[in-house]
Amino acid sequence: MVEVFCNYPKISELIDFEPKMGVNYYRLTSTEFNGQRHTHGIIPLEFNQTTVYYDATNSLLKFKDNVVATIYAVNGDVVAKVNNQNSINFTKKGMFIIHYEETVYIWND
């Protein structure tokens, strides 16, 4: 759990580096400066293993099949879009979230 106490809006994040395959549940709770807590509910996220890998020789992100997806940096910025392709040029470094049409996968280079 991450607790942040401040008297102004604060953005916090927690990355689950070892999510279990299938549905994982995360409870969202905020704590105000005065210590008052608010529970914002439980959010289900589904993690499925997929075949995606990085070809460093050719700077390509390769998928098992043609996919439609958006690739995000962990701060939420869109870094790439995949439109019915099985590979894209990809030279960025870091951790990324690959959002397929109906499923979210976490990828770390």
N, C-alpha and C. Protein backbone atom coordinates (compact mmCIF):
# COMPACT_ATOMS: atom_id res chain seq x y z
N MET A 1 0.84 -1.17 0.00
CA MET A 1 0.00 0.00 0.00
C MET A 1 0.89 1.24 0.00
N VAL A 2 0.48 2.25 -0.74
CA VAL A 2 1.19 3.52 -0.80
C VAL A 2 0.30 4.57 -0.16
N GLU A 3 0.82 5.29 0.85
CA GLU A 3 0.05 6.35 1.48
C GLU A 3 0.72 7.68 1.20
N VAL A 4 -0.06 8.66 0.81
CA VAL A 4 0.45 9.99 0.52
C VAL A 4 -0.39 10.99 1.31
N PHE A 5 0.27 11.82 2.14
CA PHE A 5 -0.42 12.83 2.91
C PHE A 5 0.01 14.20 2.41
N CYS A 6 -0.95 15.02 1.97
CA CYS A 6 -0.65 16.37 1.51
C CYS A 6 -1.93 17.19 1.50
N ASN A 7 -1.78 18.50 1.38
CA ASN A 7 -2.97 19.36 1.36
C ASN A 7 -3.27 19.87 -0.04
N TYR A 8 -2.77 19.20 -1.05
CA TYR A 8 -3.03 19.55 -2.44
C TYR A 8 -3.16 18.24 -3.21
N PRO A 9 -3.78 18.28 -4.39
CA PRO A 9 -3.94 17.03 -5.16
C PRO A 9 -2.60 16.37 -5.41
N LYS A 10 -2.53 15.09 -5.19
CA LYS A 10 -1.29 14.33 -5.35
C LYS A 10 -1.60 13.08 -6.18
N ILE A 11 -0.76 12.82 -7.14
CA ILE A 11 -0.91 11.62 -7.96
C ILE A 11 0.10 10.59 -7.45
N SER A 12 -0.38 9.41 -7.17
CA SER A 12 0.47 8.32 -6.71
C SER A 12 0.31 7.15 -7.65
N GLU A 13 1.29 6.30 -7.68
CA GLU A 13 1.18 5.11 -8.51
C GLU A 13 1.86 3.94 -7.83
N LEU A 14 1.41 2.79 -8.17
CA LEU A 14 2.01 1.56 -7.69
C LEU A 14 2.02 0.60 -8.87
N ILE A 15 3.16 0.04 -9.18
CA ILE A 15 3.28 -0.90 -10.30
C ILE A 15 3.41 -2.30 -9.73
N ASP A 16 2.54 -3.18 -10.16
CA ASP A 16 2.60 -4.59 -9.77
C ASP A 16 3.51 -5.28 -10.77
N PHE A 17 4.75 -5.54 -10.35
CA PHE A 17 5.73 -6.14 -11.25
C PHE A 17 5.54 -7.64 -11.42
N GLU A 18 4.69 -8.25 -10.61
CA GLU A 18 4.46 -9.69 -10.72
C GLU A 18 2.97 -10.02 -10.65
N PRO A 19 2.17 -9.47 -11.57
CA PRO A 19 0.74 -9.81 -11.54
C PRO A 19 0.55 -11.29 -11.89
N LYS A 20 -0.45 -11.87 -11.32
CA LYS A 20 -0.79 -13.26 -11.62
C LYS A 20 -1.58 -13.29 -12.93
N MET A 21 -1.45 -14.38 -13.68
CA MET A 21 -2.24 -14.53 -14.91
C MET A 21 -3.71 -14.61 -14.54
N GLY A 22 -4.55 -14.02 -15.34
CA GLY A 22 -5.97 -13.99 -15.07
C GLY A 22 -6.36 -12.65 -14.49
N VAL A 23 -7.42 -12.63 -13.69
CA VAL A 23 -7.93 -11.38 -13.14
C VAL A 23 -7.23 -11.08 -11.81
N ASN A 24 -6.71 -9.86 -11.68
CA ASN A 24 -6.12 -9.35 -10.45
C ASN A 24 -7.02 -8.21 -9.97
N TYR A 25 -7.21 -8.11 -8.66
CA TYR A 25 -8.08 -7.08 -8.10
C TYR A 25 -7.24 -6.09 -7.30
N TYR A 26 -7.50 -4.80 -7.53
CA TYR A 26 -6.78 -3.74 -6.84
C TYR A 26 -7.80 -2.80 -6.19
N ARG A 27 -7.64 -2.55 -4.88
CA ARG A 27 -8.53 -1.63 -4.18
C ARG A 27 -7.90 -0.25 -4.17
N LEU A 28 -8.67 0.75 -4.61
CA LEU A 28 -8.18 2.12 -4.67
C LEU A 28 -8.68 2.88 -3.44
N THR A 29 -7.72 3.42 -2.66
CA THR A 29 -8.05 4.16 -1.45
C THR A 29 -7.23 5.44 -1.43
N SER A 30 -7.84 6.55 -1.04
CA SER A 30 -7.09 7.80 -0.89
C SER A 30 -7.18 8.25 0.56
N THR A 31 -6.14 8.95 1.02
CA THR A 31 -6.11 9.48 2.38
C THR A 31 -5.89 10.98 2.29
N GLU A 32 -6.79 11.76 2.90
CA GLU A 32 -6.66 13.21 2.88
C GLU A 32 -5.65 13.66 3.91
N PHE A 33 -5.30 14.96 3.85
CA PHE A 33 -4.32 15.54 4.76
C PHE A 33 -4.73 15.36 6.21
N ASN A 34 -6.03 15.42 6.48
CA ASN A 34 -6.52 15.28 7.85
C ASN A 34 -6.64 13.81 8.28
N GLY A 35 -6.21 12.90 7.44
CA GLY A 35 -6.25 11.48 7.78
C GLY A 35 -7.52 10.77 7.35
N GLN A 36 -8.49 11.50 6.84
CA GLN A 36 -9.74 10.88 6.41
C GLN A 36 -9.49 10.04 5.16
N ARG A 37 -10.00 8.80 5.18
CA ARG A 37 -9.80 7.87 4.07
C ARG A 37 -11.06 7.74 3.24
N HIS A 38 -10.85 7.56 1.94
CA HIS A 38 -11.95 7.32 1.01
C HIS A 38 -11.60 6.09 0.18
N THR A 39 -12.50 5.12 0.17
CA THR A 39 -12.31 3.94 -0.66
C THR A 39 -13.06 4.17 -1.97
N HIS A 40 -12.37 3.98 -3.08
CA HIS A 40 -12.93 4.26 -4.39
C HIS A 40 -13.33 2.99 -5.13
N GLY A 41 -13.33 1.89 -4.43
CA GLY A 41 -13.79 0.65 -5.04
C GLY A 41 -12.65 -0.27 -5.43
N ILE A 42 -13.05 -1.41 -5.92
CA ILE A 42 -12.10 -2.44 -6.35
C ILE A 42 -12.12 -2.50 -7.87
N ILE A 43 -10.94 -2.47 -8.46
CA ILE A 43 -10.79 -2.45 -9.91
C ILE A 43 -10.22 -3.80 -10.36
N PRO A 44 -10.93 -4.54 -11.23
CA PRO A 44 -10.35 -5.78 -11.76
C PRO A 44 -9.53 -5.49 -13.03
N LEU A 45 -8.36 -6.07 -13.13
CA LEU A 45 -7.54 -6.00 -14.34
C LEU A 45 -7.18 -7.42 -14.74
N GLU A 46 -7.34 -7.74 -16.01
CA GLU A 46 -7.03 -9.09 -16.48
C GLU A 46 -5.68 -9.09 -17.18
N PHE A 47 -4.81 -10.00 -16.75
CA PHE A 47 -3.50 -10.17 -17.35
C PHE A 47 -3.45 -11.53 -18.03
N ASN A 48 -3.12 -11.53 -19.30
CA ASN A 48 -3.00 -12.76 -20.06
C ASN A 48 -1.63 -12.79 -20.71
N GLN A 49 -1.05 -13.95 -20.75
CA GLN A 49 0.24 -14.07 -21.41
C GLN A 49 0.03 -13.96 -22.92
N THR A 50 0.88 -13.23 -23.55
CA THR A 50 0.81 -13.07 -24.99
C THR A 50 2.21 -13.20 -25.57
N THR A 51 2.28 -13.40 -26.84
CA THR A 51 3.58 -13.51 -27.48
C THR A 51 3.92 -12.17 -28.11
N VAL A 52 4.81 -11.45 -27.45
CA VAL A 52 5.33 -10.19 -27.97
C VAL A 52 6.78 -10.13 -27.51
N TYR A 53 7.66 -9.77 -28.42
CA TYR A 53 9.06 -9.66 -28.02
C TYR A 53 9.74 -8.54 -28.81
N TYR A 54 10.88 -8.11 -28.29
CA TYR A 54 11.61 -7.01 -28.90
C TYR A 54 12.82 -7.55 -29.66
N ASP A 55 12.90 -7.22 -30.93
CA ASP A 55 14.03 -7.58 -31.78
C ASP A 55 15.00 -6.39 -31.76
N ALA A 56 16.01 -6.45 -30.88
CA ALA A 56 16.93 -5.33 -30.70
C ALA A 56 17.80 -5.09 -31.93
N THR A 57 18.09 -6.13 -32.70
CA THR A 57 18.92 -5.99 -33.89
C THR A 57 18.26 -5.07 -34.91
N ASN A 58 16.95 -5.22 -35.08
CA ASN A 58 16.21 -4.44 -36.08
C ASN A 58 15.31 -3.37 -35.47
N SER A 59 15.37 -3.19 -34.14
CA SER A 59 14.53 -2.22 -33.42
C SER A 59 13.04 -2.42 -33.73
N LEU A 60 12.59 -3.67 -33.64
CA LEU A 60 11.19 -4.01 -33.91
C LEU A 60 10.54 -4.62 -32.68
N LEU A 61 9.30 -4.22 -32.44
CA LEU A 61 8.46 -4.89 -31.46
C LEU A 61 7.60 -5.84 -32.26
N LYS A 62 7.73 -7.15 -31.99
CA LYS A 62 7.05 -8.16 -32.80
C LYS A 62 5.95 -8.87 -32.00
N PHE A 63 4.81 -9.07 -32.67
CA PHE A 63 3.66 -9.73 -32.08
C PHE A 63 3.44 -11.07 -32.77
N LYS A 64 2.81 -12.01 -32.08
CA LYS A 64 2.53 -13.34 -32.64
C LYS A 64 1.63 -13.23 -33.86
N ASP A 65 0.62 -12.37 -33.79
CA ASP A 65 -0.36 -12.20 -34.86
C ASP A 65 -0.50 -10.71 -35.17
N ASN A 66 -1.25 -10.39 -36.21
CA ASN A 66 -1.59 -9.00 -36.46
C ASN A 66 -2.48 -8.52 -35.32
N VAL A 67 -2.18 -7.33 -34.78
CA VAL A 67 -2.94 -6.80 -33.65
C VAL A 67 -3.30 -5.34 -33.89
N VAL A 68 -4.31 -4.91 -33.16
CA VAL A 68 -4.65 -3.49 -33.07
C VAL A 68 -4.42 -3.13 -31.60
N ALA A 69 -3.49 -2.20 -31.35
CA ALA A 69 -3.12 -1.90 -29.97
C ALA A 69 -2.56 -0.49 -29.87
N THR A 70 -2.58 0.02 -28.65
CA THR A 70 -1.93 1.29 -28.31
C THR A 70 -0.89 0.98 -27.25
N ILE A 71 0.29 1.56 -27.40
CA ILE A 71 1.37 1.36 -26.43
C ILE A 71 1.55 2.65 -25.66
N TYR A 72 1.50 2.53 -24.32
CA TYR A 72 1.61 3.67 -23.43
C TYR A 72 2.87 3.59 -22.60
N ALA A 73 3.47 4.75 -22.28
CA ALA A 73 4.49 4.81 -21.24
C ALA A 73 3.76 4.69 -19.91
N VAL A 74 4.47 4.39 -18.83
CA VAL A 74 3.79 4.21 -17.55
C VAL A 74 3.16 5.50 -17.04
N ASN A 75 3.55 6.66 -17.56
CA ASN A 75 2.93 7.92 -17.16
C ASN A 75 1.63 8.19 -17.93
N GLY A 76 1.25 7.29 -18.84
CA GLY A 76 0.00 7.42 -19.58
C GLY A 76 0.13 8.01 -20.97
N ASP A 77 1.33 8.49 -21.33
CA ASP A 77 1.53 9.04 -22.67
C ASP A 77 1.48 7.94 -23.72
N VAL A 78 0.81 8.21 -24.83
CA VAL A 78 0.80 7.27 -25.95
C VAL A 78 2.14 7.37 -26.65
N VAL A 79 2.83 6.22 -26.80
CA VAL A 79 4.14 6.23 -27.47
C VAL A 79 4.09 5.56 -28.84
N ALA A 80 3.06 4.75 -29.10
CA ALA A 80 2.95 4.09 -30.41
C ALA A 80 1.55 3.52 -30.57
N LYS A 81 1.16 3.35 -31.84
CA LYS A 81 -0.11 2.68 -32.17
C LYS A 81 0.20 1.58 -33.16
N VAL A 82 -0.49 0.47 -33.00
CA VAL A 82 -0.34 -0.68 -33.89
C VAL A 82 -1.69 -0.91 -34.55
N ASN A 83 -1.74 -0.89 -35.88
CA ASN A 83 -3.00 -1.01 -36.59
C ASN A 83 -2.98 -2.22 -37.52
N ASN A 84 -3.41 -3.36 -36.98
CA ASN A 84 -3.49 -4.60 -37.74
C ASN A 84 -2.12 -4.98 -38.33
N GLN A 85 -1.10 -4.92 -37.48
CA GLN A 85 0.27 -5.25 -37.87
C GLN A 85 0.81 -6.32 -36.93
N ASN A 86 1.87 -7.02 -37.39
CA ASN A 86 2.51 -8.00 -36.50
C ASN A 86 3.89 -7.52 -36.03
N SER A 87 4.29 -6.29 -36.44
CA SER A 87 5.52 -5.69 -35.91
C SER A 87 5.51 -4.20 -36.18
N ILE A 88 6.24 -3.45 -35.34
CA ILE A 88 6.40 -2.01 -35.55
C ILE A 88 7.83 -1.62 -35.18
N ASN A 89 8.32 -0.55 -35.78
CA ASN A 89 9.60 0.01 -35.37
C ASN A 89 9.43 0.56 -33.96
N PHE A 90 10.38 0.25 -33.07
CA PHE A 90 10.25 0.67 -31.67
C PHE A 90 11.64 0.84 -31.08
N THR A 91 12.00 2.09 -30.77
CA THR A 91 13.35 2.38 -30.26
C THR A 91 13.34 2.93 -28.84
N LYS A 92 12.19 3.01 -28.22
CA LYS A 92 12.09 3.57 -26.87
C LYS A 92 12.59 2.58 -25.83
N LYS A 93 13.05 3.10 -24.68
CA LYS A 93 13.52 2.28 -23.56
C LYS A 93 12.59 2.50 -22.38
N GLY A 94 12.41 1.49 -21.56
CA GLY A 94 11.62 1.64 -20.35
C GLY A 94 10.55 0.57 -20.23
N MET A 95 9.55 0.85 -19.40
CA MET A 95 8.43 -0.06 -19.20
C MET A 95 7.22 0.52 -19.92
N PHE A 96 6.46 -0.34 -20.57
CA PHE A 96 5.33 0.11 -21.37
C PHE A 96 4.11 -0.75 -21.12
N ILE A 97 2.95 -0.18 -21.34
CA ILE A 97 1.68 -0.90 -21.24
C ILE A 97 1.14 -1.05 -22.65
N ILE A 98 0.87 -2.28 -23.04
CA ILE A 98 0.31 -2.55 -24.36
C ILE A 98 -1.18 -2.82 -24.17
N HIS A 99 -2.00 -1.94 -24.74
CA HIS A 99 -3.45 -2.07 -24.60
C HIS A 99 -4.01 -2.58 -25.92
N TYR A 100 -4.38 -3.85 -25.93
CA TYR A 100 -5.02 -4.43 -27.10
C TYR A 100 -6.48 -4.01 -27.10
N GLU A 101 -7.24 -4.36 -28.11
CA GLU A 101 -8.63 -3.93 -28.20
C GLU A 101 -9.43 -4.25 -26.94
N GLU A 102 -9.21 -5.42 -26.34
CA GLU A 102 -10.01 -5.80 -25.18
C GLU A 102 -9.20 -6.23 -23.97
N THR A 103 -7.87 -6.29 -24.05
CA THR A 103 -7.06 -6.80 -22.96
C THR A 103 -5.84 -5.91 -22.76
N VAL A 104 -5.36 -5.80 -21.52
CA VAL A 104 -4.18 -5.01 -21.22
C VAL A 104 -3.04 -5.94 -20.81
N TYR A 105 -1.86 -5.73 -21.38
CA TYR A 105 -0.67 -6.50 -21.06
C TYR A 105 0.43 -5.53 -20.63
N ILE A 106 1.25 -5.95 -19.68
CA ILE A 106 2.39 -5.15 -19.25
C ILE A 106 3.62 -5.73 -19.93
N TRP A 107 4.47 -4.86 -20.50
CA TRP A 107 5.70 -5.31 -21.14
C TRP A 107 6.84 -4.49 -20.61
N ASN A 108 7.93 -5.12 -20.24
CA ASN A 108 9.12 -4.44 -19.72
C ASN A 108 10.31 -4.92 -20.53
N ASP A 109 11.09 -3.99 -21.11
CA ASP A 109 12.22 -4.41 -21.94
C ASP A 109 13.40 -4.87 -21.14
